[in-house]
Amino acid sequence: MTVYRLQSEKRRFRLSGIVTTRLQEVGVPHMVWPAMNPIEHVWDQLKQRLDDRTPPPRDLAELRVALVEEWNALPQNNIMRLVRSMRRGQAVIAANGGNTRY
């Protein structure tokens, strides 16, 4: 018997609701995998900063301005920490996806 396991990044929205429901119905286990791309964490930070804006952007033009403002306001120490974390990805690649010390 073949056993299948679905592996996806930590962001659950990458799978549509109908796909997730069907996979559960047929018994395919879902393993959430951490995002290896540091830019994913930057997008999370940027989205949080946009969500926290009061008042929120009312139209596309305001959203563009808000995005640029929030992008420029992202703390550089967070960005540098994410860049340094890329060593983890290099270690995973070197281990052919196996265990690493990270």
N, C-alpha and C. Protein backbone atom coordinates (compact mmCIF):
# COMPACT_ATOMS: atom_id res chain seq x y z
N MET A 1 0.84 -1.19 0.00
CA MET A 1 0.00 0.00 0.00
C MET A 1 0.88 1.24 0.00
N THR A 2 0.60 2.19 -0.86
CA THR A 2 1.34 3.43 -0.93
C THR A 2 0.76 4.44 0.06
N VAL A 3 1.63 5.08 0.82
CA VAL A 3 1.20 6.09 1.78
C VAL A 3 1.63 7.45 1.25
N TYR A 4 0.69 8.38 1.19
CA TYR A 4 0.97 9.73 0.73
C TYR A 4 0.88 10.69 1.89
N ARG A 5 1.70 11.71 1.85
CA ARG A 5 1.66 12.77 2.85
C ARG A 5 1.85 14.09 2.11
N LEU A 6 0.93 15.02 2.37
CA LEU A 6 1.02 16.33 1.75
C LEU A 6 1.90 17.22 2.62
N GLN A 7 2.86 17.85 2.01
CA GLN A 7 3.75 18.77 2.72
C GLN A 7 3.57 20.14 2.09
N SER A 8 3.25 21.14 2.91
CA SER A 8 3.09 22.49 2.39
C SER A 8 3.76 23.46 3.33
N GLU A 9 4.01 24.67 2.83
CA GLU A 9 4.62 25.69 3.67
C GLU A 9 3.65 26.10 4.76
N LYS A 10 4.18 26.84 5.75
CA LYS A 10 3.39 27.20 6.92
C LYS A 10 2.14 28.00 6.58
N ARG A 11 2.12 28.66 5.47
CA ARG A 11 0.98 29.48 5.10
C ARG A 11 -0.14 28.58 4.57
N ARG A 12 -1.17 28.42 5.34
CA ARG A 12 -2.26 27.51 4.97
C ARG A 12 -3.05 27.99 3.77
N PHE A 13 -3.06 29.30 3.48
CA PHE A 13 -3.86 29.79 2.36
C PHE A 13 -3.34 29.30 1.02
N ARG A 14 -2.17 28.69 0.98
CA ARG A 14 -1.64 28.18 -0.28
C ARG A 14 -2.49 27.01 -0.81
N LEU A 15 -3.23 26.38 0.07
CA LEU A 15 -4.15 25.33 -0.34
C LEU A 15 -5.56 25.88 -0.22
N SER A 16 -6.35 25.73 -1.27
CA SER A 16 -7.72 26.22 -1.19
C SER A 16 -8.52 25.36 -0.22
N GLY A 17 -9.60 25.91 0.27
CA GLY A 17 -10.45 25.20 1.21
C GLY A 17 -10.97 23.89 0.65
N ILE A 18 -11.36 23.90 -0.62
CA ILE A 18 -11.91 22.69 -1.23
C ILE A 18 -10.86 21.59 -1.34
N VAL A 19 -9.61 21.98 -1.63
CA VAL A 19 -8.53 21.01 -1.71
C VAL A 19 -8.25 20.43 -0.33
N THR A 20 -8.15 21.30 0.68
CA THR A 20 -7.89 20.84 2.04
C THR A 20 -8.99 19.89 2.51
N THR A 21 -10.24 20.25 2.26
CA THR A 21 -11.37 19.40 2.66
C THR A 21 -11.30 18.04 1.98
N ARG A 22 -11.04 18.03 0.69
CA ARG A 22 -10.98 16.75 -0.05
C ARG A 22 -9.83 15.87 0.45
N LEU A 23 -8.69 16.48 0.72
CA LEU A 23 -7.56 15.70 1.22
C LEU A 23 -7.89 15.09 2.58
N GLN A 24 -8.61 15.83 3.41
CA GLN A 24 -9.02 15.29 4.71
C GLN A 24 -10.02 14.15 4.53
N GLU A 25 -10.94 14.31 3.57
CA GLU A 25 -11.95 13.28 3.32
C GLU A 25 -11.34 11.96 2.90
N VAL A 26 -10.27 12.03 2.09
CA VAL A 26 -9.66 10.79 1.61
C VAL A 26 -8.52 10.32 2.50
N GLY A 27 -8.28 11.05 3.60
CA GLY A 27 -7.31 10.60 4.59
C GLY A 27 -5.86 10.89 4.28
N VAL A 28 -5.58 11.92 3.50
CA VAL A 28 -4.18 12.29 3.24
C VAL A 28 -3.71 13.21 4.36
N PRO A 29 -2.73 12.77 5.15
CA PRO A 29 -2.24 13.63 6.23
C PRO A 29 -1.57 14.88 5.68
N HIS A 30 -1.73 15.97 6.40
CA HIS A 30 -1.14 17.25 5.98
C HIS A 30 -0.08 17.65 6.99
N MET A 31 1.15 17.80 6.51
CA MET A 31 2.26 18.20 7.36
C MET A 31 2.62 19.63 7.01
N VAL A 32 2.49 20.53 7.98
CA VAL A 32 2.83 21.93 7.74
C VAL A 32 4.33 22.08 7.88
N TRP A 33 4.94 22.66 6.88
CA TRP A 33 6.39 22.81 6.79
C TRP A 33 6.74 24.27 6.96
N PRO A 34 7.75 24.60 7.73
CA PRO A 34 8.10 26.02 7.88
C PRO A 34 8.62 26.61 6.58
N ALA A 35 8.31 27.87 6.36
CA ALA A 35 8.80 28.55 5.16
C ALA A 35 10.31 28.67 5.23
N MET A 36 10.99 28.27 4.17
CA MET A 36 12.45 28.35 4.15
C MET A 36 12.92 29.66 3.52
N ASN A 37 12.03 30.34 2.82
CA ASN A 37 12.41 31.58 2.16
C ASN A 37 12.22 32.75 3.13
N PRO A 38 13.27 33.45 3.50
CA PRO A 38 13.15 34.54 4.47
C PRO A 38 12.20 35.64 4.05
N ILE A 39 11.98 35.83 2.75
CA ILE A 39 11.09 36.91 2.32
C ILE A 39 9.67 36.65 2.81
N GLU A 40 9.31 35.38 3.04
CA GLU A 40 7.98 35.07 3.58
C GLU A 40 7.77 35.77 4.92
N HIS A 41 8.80 35.80 5.74
CA HIS A 41 8.70 36.46 7.04
C HIS A 41 8.58 37.97 6.89
N VAL A 42 9.24 38.51 5.89
CA VAL A 42 9.14 39.95 5.63
C VAL A 42 7.71 40.29 5.19
N TRP A 43 7.14 39.45 4.31
CA TRP A 43 5.75 39.69 3.89
C TRP A 43 4.83 39.65 5.09
N ASP A 44 5.05 38.70 6.02
CA ASP A 44 4.23 38.63 7.23
C ASP A 44 4.33 39.92 8.04
N GLN A 45 5.55 40.41 8.21
CA GLN A 45 5.74 41.65 8.97
C GLN A 45 5.06 42.83 8.26
N LEU A 46 5.21 42.89 6.96
CA LEU A 46 4.61 43.98 6.20
C LEU A 46 3.08 43.93 6.29
N LYS A 47 2.53 42.74 6.16
CA LYS A 47 1.07 42.59 6.27
C LYS A 47 0.59 43.01 7.65
N GLN A 48 1.30 42.61 8.69
CA GLN A 48 0.91 42.99 10.05
C GLN A 48 0.93 44.51 10.22
N ARG A 49 1.95 45.14 9.69
CA ARG A 49 2.05 46.60 9.79
C ARG A 49 0.91 47.28 9.03
N LEU A 50 0.54 46.73 7.88
CA LEU A 50 -0.59 47.28 7.13
C LEU A 50 -1.90 47.07 7.88
N ASP A 51 -2.06 45.89 8.47
CA ASP A 51 -3.28 45.60 9.24
C ASP A 51 -3.42 46.52 10.44
N ASP A 52 -2.29 46.97 11.00
CA ASP A 52 -2.31 47.82 12.19
C ASP A 52 -2.55 49.30 11.88
N ARG A 53 -2.54 49.67 10.61
CA ARG A 53 -2.71 51.09 10.26
C ARG A 53 -4.13 51.55 10.57
N THR A 54 -4.21 52.76 11.16
CA THR A 54 -5.50 53.36 11.45
C THR A 54 -5.50 54.78 10.92
N PRO A 55 -6.36 55.11 10.03
CA PRO A 55 -7.33 54.24 9.36
C PRO A 55 -6.63 53.42 8.27
N PRO A 56 -7.25 52.31 7.87
CA PRO A 56 -6.64 51.50 6.81
C PRO A 56 -6.72 52.22 5.47
N PRO A 57 -5.88 51.84 4.53
CA PRO A 57 -5.96 52.44 3.19
C PRO A 57 -7.35 52.23 2.60
N ARG A 58 -7.88 53.28 1.95
CA ARG A 58 -9.25 53.22 1.41
C ARG A 58 -9.30 52.80 -0.05
N ASP A 59 -8.20 52.95 -0.75
CA ASP A 59 -8.21 52.60 -2.18
C ASP A 59 -6.80 52.16 -2.58
N LEU A 60 -6.66 51.83 -3.84
CA LEU A 60 -5.39 51.31 -4.34
C LEU A 60 -4.26 52.33 -4.21
N ALA A 61 -4.55 53.58 -4.48
CA ALA A 61 -3.53 54.62 -4.37
C ALA A 61 -3.02 54.74 -2.93
N GLU A 62 -3.93 54.74 -1.96
CA GLU A 62 -3.53 54.81 -0.55
C GLU A 62 -2.78 53.55 -0.14
N LEU A 63 -3.19 52.41 -0.67
CA LEU A 63 -2.49 51.16 -0.36
C LEU A 63 -1.06 51.20 -0.86
N ARG A 64 -0.86 51.73 -2.06
CA ARG A 64 0.51 51.84 -2.60
C ARG A 64 1.38 52.72 -1.70
N VAL A 65 0.83 53.86 -1.28
CA VAL A 65 1.57 54.77 -0.41
C VAL A 65 1.88 54.07 0.92
N ALA A 66 0.87 53.41 1.48
CA ALA A 66 1.06 52.72 2.76
C ALA A 66 2.11 51.62 2.65
N LEU A 67 2.10 50.87 1.56
CA LEU A 67 3.09 49.81 1.37
C LEU A 67 4.51 50.36 1.34
N VAL A 68 4.70 51.44 0.61
CA VAL A 68 6.03 52.03 0.54
C VAL A 68 6.45 52.55 1.91
N GLU A 69 5.53 53.23 2.61
CA GLU A 69 5.86 53.75 3.94
C GLU A 69 6.22 52.62 4.90
N GLU A 70 5.43 51.57 4.92
CA GLU A 70 5.68 50.46 5.84
C GLU A 70 6.92 49.68 5.45
N TRP A 71 7.15 49.51 4.15
CA TRP A 71 8.37 48.84 3.69
C TRP A 71 9.59 49.59 4.18
N ASN A 72 9.58 50.91 4.01
CA ASN A 72 10.71 51.74 4.44
C ASN A 72 10.88 51.77 5.95
N ALA A 73 9.80 51.50 6.68
CA ALA A 73 9.85 51.53 8.14
C ALA A 73 10.19 50.18 8.77
N LEU A 74 10.31 49.13 7.96
CA LEU A 74 10.66 47.82 8.52
C LEU A 74 12.02 47.92 9.21
N PRO A 75 12.11 47.42 10.44
CA PRO A 75 13.39 47.49 11.15
C PRO A 75 14.49 46.69 10.43
N GLN A 76 15.59 47.35 10.17
CA GLN A 76 16.69 46.70 9.44
C GLN A 76 17.28 45.54 10.22
N ASN A 77 17.23 45.60 11.56
CA ASN A 77 17.77 44.47 12.32
C ASN A 77 16.96 43.20 12.07
N ASN A 78 15.64 43.33 11.82
CA ASN A 78 14.83 42.16 11.47
C ASN A 78 15.25 41.60 10.12
N ILE A 79 15.50 42.50 9.18
CA ILE A 79 15.91 42.06 7.84
C ILE A 79 17.26 41.35 7.91
N MET A 80 18.19 41.92 8.66
CA MET A 80 19.52 41.30 8.78
C MET A 80 19.43 39.94 9.48
N ARG A 81 18.56 39.82 10.46
CA ARG A 81 18.38 38.54 11.15
C ARG A 81 17.87 37.50 10.15
N LEU A 82 16.96 37.90 9.28
CA LEU A 82 16.44 36.97 8.28
C LEU A 82 17.51 36.58 7.27
N VAL A 83 18.32 37.54 6.87
CA VAL A 83 19.42 37.23 5.93
C VAL A 83 20.36 36.22 6.57
N ARG A 84 20.71 36.44 7.84
CA ARG A 84 21.60 35.50 8.53
C ARG A 84 20.96 34.11 8.65
N SER A 85 19.63 34.07 8.74
CA SER A 85 18.94 32.78 8.88
C SER A 85 19.03 31.95 7.61
N MET A 86 19.43 32.56 6.50
CA MET A 86 19.54 31.81 5.25
C MET A 86 20.58 30.71 5.35
N ARG A 87 21.47 30.80 6.34
CA ARG A 87 22.44 29.71 6.54
C ARG A 87 21.71 28.40 6.81
N ARG A 88 20.54 28.49 7.45
CA ARG A 88 19.75 27.29 7.72
C ARG A 88 19.37 26.63 6.40
N GLY A 89 18.92 27.43 5.44
CA GLY A 89 18.56 26.89 4.13
C GLY A 89 19.74 26.25 3.44
N GLN A 90 20.90 26.87 3.55
CA GLN A 90 22.11 26.30 2.95
C GLN A 90 22.44 24.96 3.61
N ALA A 91 22.26 24.88 4.92
CA ALA A 91 22.54 23.63 5.63
C ALA A 91 21.56 22.53 5.21
N VAL A 92 20.29 22.89 5.01
CA VAL A 92 19.29 21.92 4.58
C VAL A 92 19.64 21.41 3.18
N ILE A 93 20.04 22.31 2.31
CA ILE A 93 20.43 21.90 0.95
C ILE A 93 21.64 20.99 1.00
N ALA A 94 22.64 21.35 1.80
CA ALA A 94 23.85 20.54 1.92
C ALA A 94 23.55 19.15 2.48
N ALA A 95 22.51 19.06 3.32
CA ALA A 95 22.14 17.76 3.92
C ALA A 95 21.12 17.04 3.06
N ASN A 96 20.90 17.52 1.83
CA ASN A 96 19.92 16.92 0.93
C ASN A 96 18.55 16.78 1.59
N GLY A 97 18.17 17.80 2.36
CA GLY A 97 16.86 17.80 3.03
C GLY A 97 16.84 17.05 4.34
N GLY A 98 17.96 16.50 4.73
CA GLY A 98 18.01 15.75 5.98
C GLY A 98 18.17 16.66 7.20
N ASN A 99 18.49 16.05 8.31
CA ASN A 99 18.66 16.80 9.56
C ASN A 99 19.86 17.74 9.51
N THR A 100 19.70 18.86 10.19
CA THR A 100 20.80 19.82 10.33
C THR A 100 20.88 20.22 11.79
N ARG A 101 21.91 20.97 12.14
CA ARG A 101 22.02 21.41 13.53
C ARG A 101 21.17 22.63 13.82
N TYR A 102 20.51 23.21 12.81
CA TYR A 102 19.68 24.39 13.01
C TYR A 102 18.32 24.02 13.48
